[in-house]
PDB file of N, CA and C in Angstrom:
ATOM      1  N   MET A   1       1.126  -1.400   0.073  1.00  0.00           N
ATOM      2  CA  MET A   1       0.481  -0.244   0.230  1.00  0.00           C
ATOM      3  C   MET A   1       0.803   1.158   0.140  1.00  0.00           C
ATOM      4  N   ARG A   2       0.521   2.407  -0.830  1.00  0.00           N
ATOM      5  CA  ARG A   2       1.279   3.589  -0.812  1.00  0.00           C
ATOM      6  C   ARG A   2       0.534   3.940   0.221  1.00  0.00           C
ATOM      7  N   LEU A   3       1.475   5.018   1.281  1.00  0.00           N
ATOM      8  CA  LEU A   3       1.424   5.737   2.509  1.00  0.00           C
ATOM      9  C   LEU A   3       1.738   7.025   2.427  1.00  0.00           C
ATOM     10  N   LEU A   4       1.196   8.379   2.268  1.00  0.00           N
ATOM     11  CA  LEU A   4       1.426   9.566   2.790  1.00  0.00           C
ATOM     12  C   LEU A   4       1.848   9.867   3.699  1.00  0.00           C
ATOM     13  N   LEU A   5       2.636   9.963   4.468  1.00  0.00           N
ATOM     14  CA  LEU A   5       3.395  10.071   6.218  1.00  0.00           C
ATOM     15  C   LEU A   5       2.601  11.134   6.520  1.00  0.00           C
ATOM     16  N   ASP A   6       2.096  11.792   7.163  1.00  0.00           N
ATOM     17  CA  ASP A   6       1.139  13.083   7.408  1.00  0.00           C
ATOM     18  C   ASP A   6       2.336  13.088   8.781  1.00  0.00           C
ATOM     19  N   SER A   7       2.278  14.915   9.139  1.00  0.00           N
ATOM     20  CA  SER A   7       3.368  15.619  10.036  1.00  0.00           C
ATOM     21  C   SER A   7       2.609  14.323  11.600  1.00  0.00           C
ATOM     22  N   THR A   8       1.025  14.213  12.111  1.00  0.00           N
ATOM     23  CA  THR A   8       1.014  13.644  12.806  1.00  0.00           C
ATOM     24  C   THR A   8       2.008  12.374  13.318  1.00  0.00           C
ATOM     25  N   PHE A   9       1.721  11.913  12.149  1.00  0.00           N
ATOM     26  CA  PHE A   9       2.720  10.246  12.013  1.00  0.00           C
ATOM     27  C   PHE A   9       3.993  10.444  12.445  1.00  0.00           C
ATOM     28  N   VAL A  10       4.987  11.041  11.417  1.00  0.00           N
ATOM     29  CA  VAL A  10       6.448  11.535  12.248  1.00  0.00           C
ATOM     30  C   VAL A  10       6.465  12.578  12.972  1.00  0.00           C
ATOM     31  N   ILE A  11       5.711  13.535  13.775  1.00  0.00           N
ATOM     32  CA  ILE A  11       5.649  13.716  14.858  1.00  0.00           C
ATOM     33  C   ILE A  11       6.084  12.406  16.174  1.00  0.00           C
ATOM     34  N   ASP A  12       5.032  11.931  15.740  1.00  0.00           N
ATOM     35  CA  ASP A  12       4.448  10.695  16.904  1.00  0.00           C
ATOM     36  C   ASP A  12       6.321   9.908  16.801  1.00  0.00           C
ATOM     37  N   LEU A  13       6.781   9.397  16.209  1.00  0.00           N
ATOM     38  CA  LEU A  13       7.750   8.827  15.723  1.00  0.00           C
ATOM     39  C   LEU A  13       8.955   9.339  16.490  1.00  0.00           C
ATOM     40  N   LEU A  14       8.993  10.703  16.724  1.00  0.00           N
ATOM     41  CA  LEU A  14      10.142  11.578  16.769  1.00  0.00           C
ATOM     42  C   LEU A  14       9.815  11.624  18.259  1.00  0.00           C
ATOM     43  N   ASP A  15       8.569  11.112  18.366  1.00  0.00           N
ATOM     44  CA  ASP A  15       8.277  11.343  20.180  1.00  0.00           C
ATOM     45  C   ASP A  15       8.769  10.311  21.112  1.00  0.00           C
ATOM     46  N   GLY A  16       8.632   9.439  19.592  1.00  0.00           N
ATOM     47  CA  GLY A  16       9.028   8.513  20.499  1.00  0.00           C
ATOM     48  C   GLY A  16       6.997   7.062  21.152  1.00  0.00           C
ATOM     49  N   VAL A  17       6.115   7.055  20.127  1.00  0.00           N
ATOM     50  CA  VAL A  17       4.833   6.769  20.886  1.00  0.00           C
ATOM     51  C   VAL A  17       4.710   5.096  20.057  1.00  0.00           C
ATOM     52  N   SER A  18       4.528   4.614  21.527  1.00  0.00           N
ATOM     53  CA  SER A  18       4.802   2.876  20.361  1.00  0.00           C
ATOM     54  C   SER A  18       3.663   2.914  19.473  1.00  0.00           C
ATOM     55  N   GLU A  19       2.659   3.177  19.464  1.00  0.00           N
ATOM     56  CA  GLU A  19       1.636   3.182  18.330  1.00  0.00           C
ATOM     57  C   GLU A  19       2.658   3.246  16.580  1.00  0.00           C
ATOM     58  N   ALA A  20       3.167   4.288  16.584  1.00  0.00           N
ATOM     59  CA  ALA A  20       3.490   4.793  15.484  1.00  0.00           C
ATOM     60  C   ALA A  20       4.531   4.377  15.049  1.00  0.00           C
ATOM     61  N   ILE A  21       5.350   3.528  16.057  1.00  0.00           N
ATOM     62  CA  ILE A  21       7.173   3.218  15.828  1.00  0.00           C
ATOM     63  C   ILE A  21       6.728   1.398  15.206  1.00  0.00           C
ATOM     64  N   ALA A  22       5.280   1.347  15.738  1.00  0.00           N
ATOM     65  CA  ALA A  22       4.586  -0.470  15.886  1.00  0.00           C
ATOM     66  C   ALA A  22       4.298  -0.372  14.097  1.00  0.00           C
ATOM     67  N   ARG A  23       3.629   0.693  13.871  1.00  0.00           N
ATOM     68  CA  ARG A  23       3.202   0.620  12.747  1.00  0.00           C
ATOM     69  C   ARG A  23       4.753   1.287  11.970  1.00  0.00           C
ATOM     70  N   GLN A  24       5.087   2.049  11.998  1.00  0.00           N
ATOM     71  CA  GLN A  24       6.244   1.445  10.725  1.00  0.00           C
ATOM     72  C   GLN A  24       7.207   0.242  10.398  1.00  0.00           C
ATOM     73  N   ARG A  25       6.974  -0.473  11.831  1.00  0.00           N
ATOM     74  CA  ARG A  25       7.760  -1.203  11.312  1.00  0.00           C
ATOM     75  C   ARG A  25       6.663  -2.623  10.653  1.00  0.00           C
ATOM     76  N   ARG A  26       5.741  -2.100  11.059  1.00  0.00           N
ATOM     77  CA  ARG A  26       4.946  -3.185  10.293  1.00  0.00           C
ATOM     78  C   ARG A  26       4.699  -2.705   8.594  1.00  0.00           C
ATOM     79  N   MET A  27       4.842  -1.240   8.429  1.00  0.00           N
ATOM     80  CA  MET A  27       4.641  -0.731   6.840  1.00  0.00           C
ATOM     81  C   MET A  27       6.102  -1.267   6.584  1.00  0.00           C
ATOM     82  N   PHE A  28       6.832  -1.346   6.713  1.00  0.00           N
ATOM     83  CA  PHE A  28       8.514  -1.908   6.213  1.00  0.00           C
ATOM     84  C   PHE A  28       8.136  -3.807   5.943  1.00  0.00           C
ATOM     85  N   GLU A  29       7.703  -4.194   7.075  1.00  0.00           N
ATOM     86  CA  GLU A  29       7.685  -5.614   7.068  1.00  0.00           C
ATOM     87  C   GLU A  29       6.802  -6.198   5.963  1.00  0.00           C
ATOM     88  N   SER A  30       5.659  -5.308   6.259  1.00  0.00           N
ATOM     89  CA  SER A  30       4.341  -5.118   5.152  1.00  0.00           C
ATOM     90  C   SER A  30       4.479  -4.872   3.557  1.00  0.00           C
ATOM     91  N   GLY A  31       5.708  -4.389   3.408  1.00  0.00           N
ATOM     92  CA  GLY A  31       6.358  -3.912   1.842  1.00  0.00           C
ATOM     93  C   GLY A  31       5.041  -2.474   1.736  1.00  0.00           C
ATOM     94  N   ASP A  32       4.927  -2.157   2.705  1.00  0.00           N
ATOM     95  CA  ASP A  32       3.635  -0.506   2.380  1.00  0.00           C
ATOM     96  C   ASP A  32       4.990   0.314   1.812  1.00  0.00           C
ATOM     97  N   GLU A  33       4.895   1.153   0.845  1.00  0.00           N
ATOM     98  CA  GLU A  33       5.218   2.022   0.235  1.00  0.00           C
ATOM     99  C   GLU A  33       5.179   3.742   0.724  1.00  0.00           C
ATOM    100  N   PRO A  34       6.411   3.704   1.680  1.00  0.00           N
ATOM    101  CA  PRO A  34       6.285   5.400   2.726  1.00  0.00           C
ATOM    102  C   PRO A  34       6.501   6.557   1.788  1.00  0.00           C
ATOM    103  N   PHE A  35       5.731   7.695   1.522  1.00  0.00           N
ATOM    104  CA  PHE A  35       6.002   8.898   0.769  1.00  0.00           C
ATOM    105  C   PHE A  35       5.837  10.104   1.643  1.00  0.00           C
ATOM    106  N   THR A  36       6.052  11.184   1.536  1.00  0.00           N
ATOM    107  CA  THR A  36       6.250  12.406   2.256  1.00  0.00           C
ATOM    108  C   THR A  36       6.234  13.726   1.278  1.00  0.00           C
ATOM    109  N   ASN A  37       6.210  14.537   1.779  1.00  0.00           N
ATOM    110  CA  ASN A  37       6.194  15.627   0.851  1.00  0.00           C
ATOM    111  C   ASN A  37       6.890  17.397   1.719  1.00  0.00           C
ATOM    112  N   GLU A  38       6.996  18.465   0.948  1.00  0.00           N
ATOM    113  CA  GLU A  38       7.578  19.445   1.637  1.00  0.00           C
ATOM    114  C   GLU A  38       6.735  20.066   2.776  1.00  0.00           C
ATOM    115  N   VAL A  39       5.068  19.395   2.387  1.00  0.00           N
ATOM    116  CA  VAL A  39       4.382  20.248   3.489  1.00  0.00           C
ATOM    117  C   VAL A  39       4.733  19.563   4.219  1.00  0.00           C
ATOM    118  N   VAL A  40       4.762  18.513   4.612  1.00  0.00           N
ATOM    119  CA  VAL A  40       4.928  17.528   5.982  1.00  0.00           C
ATOM    120  C   VAL A  40       6.337  17.715   6.569  1.00  0.00           C
ATOM    121  N   ILE A  41       7.598  17.773   6.197  1.00  0.00           N
ATOM    122  CA  ILE A  41       8.764  18.411   6.397  1.00  0.00           C
ATOM    123  C   ILE A  41       8.855  19.629   7.032  1.00  0.00           C
ATOM    124  N   CYS A  42       7.915  20.248   6.443  1.00  0.00           N
ATOM    125  CA  CYS A  42       8.109  22.245   6.977  1.00  0.00           C
ATOM    126  C   CYS A  42       7.450  22.002   8.322  1.00  0.00           C
ATOM    127  N   GLU A  43       6.350  21.545   7.948  1.00  0.00           N
ATOM    128  CA  GLU A  43       5.304  21.506   9.554  1.00  0.00           C
ATOM    129  C   GLU A  43       6.188  20.531  11.100  1.00  0.00           C
ATOM    130  N   VAL A  44       7.059  19.438  10.267  1.00  0.00           N
ATOM    131  CA  VAL A  44       7.657  18.750  11.917  1.00  0.00           C
ATOM    132  C   VAL A  44       8.632  19.883  11.726  1.00  0.00           C
ATOM    133  N   ARG A  45       9.617  19.970  11.107  1.00  0.00           N
ATOM    134  CA  ARG A  45      10.908  21.182  11.076  1.00  0.00           C
ATOM    135  C   ARG A  45      10.177  22.093  11.977  1.00  0.00           C
ATOM    136  N   ALA A  46       8.864  22.844  11.020  1.00  0.00           N
ATOM    137  CA  ALA A  46       8.855  23.886  12.201  1.00  0.00           C
ATOM    138  C   ALA A  46       9.141  23.847  13.997  1.00  0.00           C
ATOM    139  N   GLY A  47       8.646  22.759  14.510  1.00  0.00           N
ATOM    140  CA  GLY A  47       8.039  22.700  15.662  1.00  0.00           C
ATOM    141  C   GLY A  47       9.495  22.051  16.410  1.00  0.00           C
ATOM    142  N   MET A  48      10.127  21.507  15.359  1.00  0.00           N
ATOM    143  CA  MET A  48      11.817  20.577  16.478  1.00  0.00           C
ATOM    144  C   MET A  48      12.804  22.141  16.826  1.00  0.00           C
ATOM    145  N   LYS A  49      13.984  21.388  17.420  1.00  0.00           N
ATOM    146  CA  LYS A  49      14.870  22.484  18.439  1.00  0.00           C
ATOM    147  C   LYS A  49      15.586  21.798  16.982  1.00  0.00           C
ATOM    148  N   HIS A  50      16.652  23.320  16.894  1.00  0.00           N
ATOM    149  CA  HIS A  50      17.980  23.009  15.799  1.00  0.00           C
ATOM    150  C   HIS A  50      18.578  21.291  15.657  1.00  0.00           C
ATOM    151  N   ARG A  51      18.446  21.439  17.265  1.00  0.00           N
ATOM    152  CA  ARG A  51      19.960  19.858  17.627  1.00  0.00           C
ATOM    153  C   ARG A  51      18.959  18.271  17.561  1.00  0.00           C
ATOM    154  N   ASP A  52      17.587  18.693  17.369  1.00  0.00           N
ATOM    155  CA  ASP A  52      16.692  17.187  16.717  1.00  0.00           C
ATOM    156  C   ASP A  52      16.348  17.049  15.545  1.00  0.00           C
ATOM    157  N   ALA A  53      16.847  17.932  14.529  1.00  0.00           N
ATOM    158  CA  ALA A  53      16.835  18.080  12.748  1.00  0.00           C
ATOM    159  C   ALA A  53      17.822  16.313  12.892  1.00  0.00           C
ATOM    160  N   PRO A  54      18.804  16.293  13.115  1.00  0.00           N
ATOM    161  CA  PRO A  54      19.251  14.741  12.515  1.00  0.00           C
ATOM    162  C   PRO A  54      18.230  13.651  12.601  1.00  0.00           C
ATOM    163  N   GLN A  55      17.429  14.000  13.749  1.00  0.00           N
ATOM    164  CA  GLN A  55      16.841  12.104  14.074  1.00  0.00           C
ATOM    165  C   GLN A  55      15.461  12.611  12.468  1.00  0.00           C
ATOM    166  N   LEU A  56      14.909  13.865  12.463  1.00  0.00           N
ATOM    167  CA  LEU A  56      14.084  13.558  11.476  1.00  0.00           C
ATOM    168  C   LEU A  56      14.590  13.485  10.733  1.00  0.00           C
ATOM    169  N   ILE A  57      15.854  13.815  10.101  1.00  0.00           N
ATOM    170  CA  ILE A  57      16.835  13.128   8.573  1.00  0.00           C
ATOM    171  C   ILE A  57      16.669  12.279   8.698  1.00  0.00           C
ATOM    172  N   GLY A  58      17.031  10.579   9.911  1.00  0.00           N
ATOM    173  CA  GLY A  58      17.064   9.823  10.195  1.00  0.00           C
ATOM    174  C   GLY A  58      15.802   8.943   9.561  1.00  0.00           C
ATOM    175  N   ILE A  59      14.449   9.583  10.344  1.00  0.00           N
ATOM    176  CA  ILE A  59      13.564   9.433  10.025  1.00  0.00           C
ATOM    177  C   ILE A  59      13.006   9.075   8.611  1.00  0.00           C
ATOM    178  N   LEU A  60      13.492  10.614   7.947  1.00  0.00           N
ATOM    179  CA  LEU A  60      12.861  10.310   6.183  1.00  0.00           C
ATOM    180  C   LEU A  60      13.799   9.731   5.555  1.00  0.00           C
ATOM    181  N   GLU A  61      15.032   8.914   5.781  1.00  0.00           N
ATOM    182  CA  GLU A  61      15.849   8.693   5.171  1.00  0.00           C
ATOM    183  C   GLU A  61      15.370   7.416   3.598  1.00  0.00           C
ATOM    184  N   PRO A  62      14.861   6.493   4.624  1.00  0.00           N
ATOM    185  CA  PRO A  62      13.471   5.747   3.535  1.00  0.00           C
ATOM    186  C   PRO A  62      12.136   6.342   3.484  1.00  0.00           C
ATOM    187  N   VAL A  63      12.605   6.892   3.063  1.00  0.00           N
ATOM    188  CA  VAL A  63      10.994   7.180   2.816  1.00  0.00           C
ATOM    189  C   VAL A  63      11.181   8.037   1.749  1.00  0.00           C
ATOM    190  N   GLU A  64      10.168   7.865   0.342  1.00  0.00           N
ATOM    191  CA  GLU A  64      10.397   8.707  -0.776  1.00  0.00           C
ATOM    192  C   GLU A  64       9.551  10.117  -0.833  1.00  0.00           C
ATOM    193  N   PHE A  65      10.078  11.039  -1.226  1.00  0.00           N
ATOM    194  CA  PHE A  65      10.144  12.682  -1.276  1.00  0.00           C
ATOM    195  C   PHE A  65       9.247  12.878  -2.355  1.00  0.00           C
ATOM    196  N   ILE A  66       8.136  13.100  -2.537  1.00  0.00           N
ATOM    197  CA  ILE A  66       7.201  13.749  -3.937  1.00  0.00           C
ATOM    198  C   ILE A  66       6.542  15.169  -4.182  1.00  0.00           C
ATOM    199  N   GLN A  67       6.799  16.034  -5.120  1.00  0.00           N
ATOM    200  CA  GLN A  67       6.477  17.122  -5.387  1.00  0.00           C
ATOM    201  C   GLN A  67       5.114  17.097  -6.307  1.00  0.00           C
ATOM    202  N   PRO A  68       3.855  16.828  -6.357  1.00  0.00           N
ATOM    203  CA  PRO A  68       2.988  16.334  -7.075  1.00  0.00           C
ATOM    204  C   PRO A  68       3.109  17.848  -7.751  1.00  0.00           C
ATOM    205  N   GLY A  69       2.838  18.991  -8.063  1.00  0.00           N
ATOM    206  CA  GLY A  69       2.869  19.780  -9.312  1.00  0.00           C
ATOM    207  C   GLY A  69       1.252  20.795  -8.955  1.00  0.00           C
ATOM    208  N   PRO A  70       0.964  21.629  -9.772  1.00  0.00           N
ATOM    209  CA  PRO A  70      -0.411  22.547  -9.794  1.00  0.00           C
ATOM    210  C   PRO A  70      -1.010  21.734  -9.696  1.00  0.00           C
ATOM    211  N   GLU A  71      -1.527  20.517 -10.602  1.00  0.00           N
ATOM    212  CA  GLU A  71      -2.969  20.234 -10.491  1.00  0.00           C
ATOM    213  C   GLU A  71      -3.081  19.670  -8.790  1.00  0.00           C
ATOM    214  N   SER A  72      -2.306  18.912  -8.116  1.00  0.00           N
ATOM    215  CA  SER A  72      -2.573  18.916  -7.142  1.00  0.00           C
ATOM    216  C   SER A  72      -3.094  20.390  -6.269  1.00  0.00           C
ATOM    217  N   ALA A  73      -2.361  20.984  -6.419  1.00  0.00           N
ATOM    218  CA  ALA A  73      -2.774  22.851  -5.708  1.00  0.00           C
ATOM    219  C   ALA A  73      -3.748  23.118  -5.861  1.00  0.00           C
ATOM    220  N   LEU A  74      -4.167  23.104  -7.655  1.00  0.00           N
ATOM    221  CA  LEU A  74      -5.369  22.813  -7.658  1.00  0.00           C
ATOM    222  C   LEU A  74      -6.648  22.701  -7.295  1.00  0.00           C
ATOM    223  N   LEU A  75      -6.606  21.023  -6.779  1.00  0.00           N
ATOM    224  CA  LEU A  75      -7.232  20.099  -6.070  1.00  0.00           C
ATOM    225  C   LEU A  75      -7.608  20.781  -4.878  1.00  0.00           C
ATOM    226  N   ALA A  76      -6.203  20.956  -4.290  1.00  0.00           N
ATOM    227  CA  ALA A  76      -6.439  21.255  -2.980  1.00  0.00           C
ATOM    228  C   ALA A  76      -7.448  22.483  -2.699  1.00  0.00           C
ATOM    229  N   GLY A  77      -6.967  23.300  -3.457  1.00  0.00           N
ATOM    230  CA  GLY A  77      -7.843  24.389  -3.377  1.00  0.00           C
ATOM    231  C   GLY A  77      -8.944  24.653  -3.358  1.00  0.00           C
ATOM    232  N   GLU A  78      -9.686  23.806  -4.593  1.00  0.00           N
ATOM    233  CA  GLU A  78     -10.773  23.185  -4.460  1.00  0.00           C
ATOM    234  C   GLU A  78     -11.451  22.504  -3.200  1.00  0.00           C
ATOM    235  N   TRP A  79     -10.621  21.608  -2.580  1.00  0.00           N
ATOM    236  CA  TRP A  79     -11.526  21.269  -1.498  1.00  0.00           C
ATOM    237  C   TRP A  79     -10.880  21.825  -0.507  1.00  0.00           C
ATOM    238  N   ARG A  80     -10.624  22.893   0.155  1.00  0.00           N
ATOM    239  CA  ARG A  80     -10.520  23.847   0.541  1.00  0.00           C
ATOM    240  C   ARG A  80     -12.239  24.590   0.518  1.00  0.00           C
ATOM    241  N   ARG A  81     -12.204  25.047  -0.703  1.00  0.00           N
ATOM    242  CA  ARG A  81     -13.827  26.033  -1.238  1.00  0.00           C
ATOM    243  C   ARG A  81     -14.563  25.003  -0.930  1.00  0.00           C
ATOM    244  N   SER A  82     -14.877  23.615  -1.227  1.00  0.00           N
ATOM    245  CA  SER A  82     -15.632  22.591  -0.816  1.00  0.00           C
ATOM    246  C   SER A  82     -16.129  22.303   0.955  1.00  0.00           C
ATOM    247  N   ALA A  83     -14.992  22.652   0.826  1.00  0.00           N
ATOM    248  CA  ALA A  83     -15.189  22.523   2.892  1.00  0.00           C
ATOM    249  C   ALA A  83     -15.817  24.040   3.506  1.00  0.00           C
ATOM    250  N   HIS A  84     -14.786  24.672   2.788  1.00  0.00           N
ATOM    251  CA  HIS A  84     -15.453  25.851   3.309  1.00  0.00           C
ATOM    252  C   HIS A  84     -17.224  26.292   3.069  1.00  0.00           C
ATOM    253  N   GLU A  85     -18.102  25.977   1.828  1.00  0.00           N
ATOM    254  CA  GLU A  85     -18.601  25.935   1.573  1.00  0.00           C
ATOM    255  C   GLU A  85     -20.328  25.248   2.388  1.00  0.00           C
ATOM    256  N   ARG A  86     -19.646  23.973   2.844  1.00  0.00           N
ATOM    257  CA  ARG A  86     -20.656  22.860   3.715  1.00  0.00           C
ATOM    258  C   ARG A  86     -20.315  23.461   5.696  1.00  0.00           C
ATOM    259  N   GLY A  87     -18.936  24.684   5.239  1.00  0.00           N
ATOM    260  CA  GLY A  87     -19.733  25.614   7.304  1.00  0.00           C
ATOM    261  C   GLY A  87     -17.952  24.486   7.578  1.00  0.00           C
ATOM    262  N   TYR A  88     -17.223  23.836   7.279  1.00  0.00           N
ATOM    263  CA  TYR A  88     -15.650  23.377   7.660  1.00  0.00           C
ATOM    264  C   TYR A  88     -14.872  24.097   6.929  1.00  0.00           C
ATOM    265  N   LYS A  89     -13.345  24.100   8.122  1.00  0.00           N
ATOM    266  CA  LYS A  89     -12.173  24.434   7.411  1.00  0.00           C
ATOM    267  C   LYS A  89     -11.203  23.883   7.416  1.00  0.00           C
ATOM    268  N   LEU A  90     -10.787  23.585   5.761  1.00  0.00           N
ATOM    269  CA  LEU A  90      -9.915  22.474   5.923  1.00  0.00           C
ATOM    270  C   LEU A  90      -8.668  23.147   5.754  1.00  0.00           C
ATOM    271  N   SER A  91      -7.225  23.207   6.358  1.00  0.00           N
ATOM    272  CA  SER A  91      -5.914  23.738   6.558  1.00  0.00           C
ATOM    273  C   SER A  91      -5.065  23.749   5.113  1.00  0.00           C
ATOM    274  N   SER A  92      -4.937  24.450   4.549  1.00  0.00           N
ATOM    275  CA  SER A  92      -4.012  24.474   4.065  1.00  0.00           C
ATOM    276  C   SER A  92      -2.957  23.136   3.589  1.00  0.00           C
ATOM    277  N   PRO A  93      -2.704  23.322   4.524  1.00  0.00           N
ATOM    278  CA  PRO A  93      -1.298  22.187   4.752  1.00  0.00           C
ATOM    279  C   PRO A  93      -2.202  20.780   4.754  1.00  0.00           C
ATOM    280  N   ASP A  94      -2.949  20.851   5.392  1.00  0.00           N
ATOM    281  CA  ASP A  94      -4.014  19.168   5.042  1.00  0.00           C
ATOM    282  C   ASP A  94      -4.452  18.822   3.517  1.00  0.00           C
ATOM    283  N   ALA A  95      -4.816  20.001   3.032  1.00  0.00           N
ATOM    284  CA  ALA A  95      -5.667  20.004   1.739  1.00  0.00           C
ATOM    285  C   ALA A  95      -4.105  19.524   0.479  1.00  0.00           C
ATOM    286  N   LEU A  96      -3.174  20.370   1.051  1.00  0.00           N
ATOM    287  CA  LEU A  96      -1.876  19.882  -0.114  1.00  0.00           C
ATOM    288  C   LEU A  96      -1.974  18.101   0.332  1.00  0.00           C
ATOM    289  N   ILE A  97      -1.814  18.420   1.571  1.00  0.00           N
ATOM    290  CA  ILE A  97      -1.066  16.609   1.902  1.00  0.00           C
ATOM    291  C   ILE A  97      -2.197  15.808   1.198  1.00  0.00           C
ATOM    292  N   ALA A  98      -3.212  16.090   1.187  1.00  0.00           N
ATOM    293  CA  ALA A  98      -4.155  15.241   0.945  1.00  0.00           C
ATOM    294  C   ALA A  98      -4.575  14.718  -1.128  1.00  0.00           C
ATOM    295  N   ALA A  99      -4.478  16.336  -0.963  1.00  0.00           N
ATOM    296  CA  ALA A  99      -4.014  16.281  -2.728  1.00  0.00           C
ATOM    297  C   ALA A  99      -2.475  15.303  -3.221  1.00  0.00           C
ATOM    298  N   ALA A 100      -2.124  15.504  -2.523  1.00  0.00           N
ATOM    299  CA  ALA A 100      -0.536  14.945  -2.878  1.00  0.00           C
ATOM    300  C   ALA A 100      -0.389  13.462  -2.607  1.00  0.00           C
ATOM    301  N   ALA A 101      -0.682  13.220  -1.078  1.00  0.00           N
ATOM    302  CA  ALA A 101      -1.488  11.447  -1.877  1.00  0.00           C
ATOM    303  C   ALA A 101      -2.922  10.821  -2.906  1.00  0.00           C
ATOM    304  N   ALA A 102      -3.586  12.210  -3.312  1.00  0.00           N
ATOM    305  CA  ALA A 102      -4.691  11.588  -4.112  1.00  0.00           C
ATOM    306  C   ALA A 102      -3.537  11.654  -5.400  1.00  0.00           C
ATOM    307  N   ALA A 103      -2.215  12.635  -5.654  1.00  0.00           N
ATOM    308  CA  ALA A 103      -2.026  12.475  -6.857  1.00  0.00           C
ATOM    309  C   ALA A 103      -0.728  10.808  -7.172  1.00  0.00           C
ATOM    310  N   ILE A 104      -0.842  10.657  -6.455  1.00  0.00           N
ATOM    311  CA  ILE A 104      -0.449   8.980  -6.171  1.00  0.00           C
ATOM    312  C   ILE A 104      -0.802   7.584  -5.902  1.00  0.00           C
ATOM    313  N   ASP A 105      -2.168   7.890  -5.995  1.00  0.00           N
ATOM    314  CA  ASP A 105      -2.917   6.796  -4.916  1.00  0.00           C
ATOM    315  C   ASP A 105      -2.393   6.321  -3.476  1.00  0.00           C
ATOM    316  N   ALA A 106      -2.399   7.056  -2.750  1.00  0.00           N
ATOM    317  CA  ALA A 106      -1.632   6.798  -1.096  1.00  0.00           C
ATOM    318  C   ALA A 106      -2.576   7.208  -0.614  1.00  0.00           C
ATOM    319  N   ALA A 107      -2.738   6.476   0.481  1.00  0.00           N
ATOM    320  CA  ALA A 107      -3.644   6.781   1.456  1.00  0.00           C
ATOM    321  C   ALA A 107      -2.615   7.568   2.383  1.00  0.00           C
ATOM    322  N   VAL A 108      -3.617   8.855   3.152  1.00  0.00           N
ATOM    323  CA  VAL A 108      -2.665   9.358   3.874  1.00  0.00           C
ATOM    324  C   VAL A 108      -2.738   8.625   5.385  1.00  0.00           C
ATOM    325  N   LEU A 109      -1.374   8.700   6.404  1.00  0.00           N
ATOM    326  CA  LEU A 109      -0.842   7.502   7.397  1.00  0.00           C
ATOM    327  C   LEU A 109      -1.264   8.950   8.325  1.00  0.00           C
ATOM    328  N   THR A 110      -2.336   9.145   9.430  1.00  0.00           N
ATOM    329  CA  THR A 110      -2.474  10.112  10.623  1.00  0.00           C
ATOM    330  C   THR A 110      -2.986   8.998  11.372  1.00  0.00           C
ATOM    331  N   ARG A 111      -3.110  10.303  12.571  1.00  0.00           N
ATOM    332  CA  ARG A 111      -3.758   9.761  13.332  1.00  0.00           C
ATOM    333  C   ARG A 111      -5.191  11.601  13.694  1.00  0.00           C
ATOM    334  N   ASN A 112      -5.091  12.240  12.539  1.00  0.00           N
ATOM    335  CA  ASN A 112      -5.928  13.144  12.351  1.00  0.00           C
ATOM    336  C   ASN A 112      -6.673  12.673  10.876  1.00  0.00           C
ATOM    337  N   VAL A 113      -7.654  11.984  11.516  1.00  0.00           N
ATOM    338  CA  VAL A 113      -8.805  11.825  10.617  1.00  0.00           C
ATOM    339  C   VAL A 113      -9.901  12.533  10.364  1.00  0.00           C
ATOM    340  N   LYS A 114     -10.096  13.782  11.026  1.00  0.00           N
ATOM    341  CA  LYS A 114     -11.221  14.564  11.357  1.00  0.00           C
ATOM    342  C   LYS A 114     -11.094  15.357   9.894  1.00  0.00           C
ATOM    343  N   ASP A 115      -9.685  16.190   9.869  1.00  0.00           N
ATOM    344  CA  ASP A 115      -9.252  16.851   9.248  1.00  0.00           C
ATOM    345  C   ASP A 115      -9.214  16.387   7.738  1.00  0.00           C
ATOM    346  N   PHE A 116      -8.649  15.372   7.643  1.00  0.00           N
ATOM    347  CA  PHE A 116      -8.614  14.188   6.070  1.00  0.00           C
ATOM    348  C   PHE A 116      -9.561  13.866   5.887  1.00  0.00           C
ATOM    349  N   ALA A 117     -10.863  13.725   6.722  1.00  0.00           N
ATOM    350  CA  ALA A 117     -12.391  13.379   6.265  1.00  0.00           C
ATOM    351  C   ALA A 117     -12.539  14.104   5.109  1.00  0.00           C
ATOM    352  N   LEU A 118     -12.307  15.703   5.423  1.00  0.00           N
ATOM    353  CA  LEU A 118     -13.213  16.443   4.722  1.00  0.00           C
ATOM    354  C   LEU A 118     -12.815  16.398   3.239  1.00  0.00           C
ATOM    355  N   THR A 119     -12.082  15.522   2.576  1.00  0.00           N
ATOM    356  CA  THR A 119     -11.314  15.413   1.414  1.00  0.00           C
ATOM    357  C   THR A 119     -11.482  13.721   0.847  1.00  0.00           C
ATOM    358  N   PRO A 120     -11.345  13.673  -0.152  1.00  0.00           N
ATOM    359  CA  PRO A 120     -11.844  12.080  -0.657  1.00  0.00           C
ATOM    360  C   PRO A 120     -10.844  11.014  -0.614  1.00  0.00           C
ATOM    361  N   VAL A 121      -9.996  11.275   0.237  1.00  0.00           N
ATOM    362  CA  VAL A 121      -8.332  10.609   0.452  1.00  0.00           C
ATOM    363  C   VAL A 121      -9.072   9.659   1.189  1.00  0.00           C
ATOM    364  N   ARG A 122      -8.360   8.582   0.629  1.00  0.00           N
ATOM    365  CA  ARG A 122      -8.098   7.031   2.286  1.00  0.00           C
ATOM    366  C   ARG A 122      -7.396   7.734   2.746  1.00  0.00           C
ATOM    367  N   VAL A 123      -8.327   7.079   4.240  1.00  0.00           N
ATOM    368  CA  VAL A 123      -7.059   7.820   5.384  1.00  0.00           C
ATOM    369  C   VAL A 123      -6.753   5.652   5.825  1.00  0.00           C
ATOM    370  N   GLU A 124      -5.359   6.212   6.458  1.00  0.00           N
ATOM    371  CA  GLU A 124      -5.564   4.847   7.340  1.00  0.00           C
ATOM    372  C   GLU A 124      -4.609   5.305   8.701  1.00  0.00           C
ATOM    373  N   THR A 125      -5.193   5.198   9.574  1.00  0.00           N
ATOM    374  CA  THR A 125      -4.601   5.095  11.210  1.00  0.00           C
ATOM    375  C   THR A 125      -3.743   4.710  11.990  1.00  0.00           C
ATOM    376  N   TYR A 126      -3.008   4.385  13.114  1.00  0.00           N
ATOM    377  CA  TYR A 126      -2.241   4.184  13.637  1.00  0.00           C
ATOM    378  C   TYR A 126      -2.193   3.447  14.982  1.00  0.00           C
TER     379      TYR A 126
END
């Protein structure tokens, strides 16, 4: 299964959350394909101390980095507009992460189910 790793998953790995660590282990044992993008890396890095950055780099080493392009940005904007019309707020980062997952036919691996439910992407929890 293709998985786009959301910020919550990467942060939980950095924090040593046992469920995230177990899911990471299963991901590699089962042959899942992990991906991430600049939005996730930016969100995670913004909340880190400089001295902890090497740990983030280590977590991301076996993960493929993607940059889907303008079509995904347009799709993310459409999902934000649609959510707003229905009375919900979908953040730009979550919309862009979801659109990146859609571009590669991946599920978003997250514990933030509520926000990603505002998009049509598949969500995988841990």
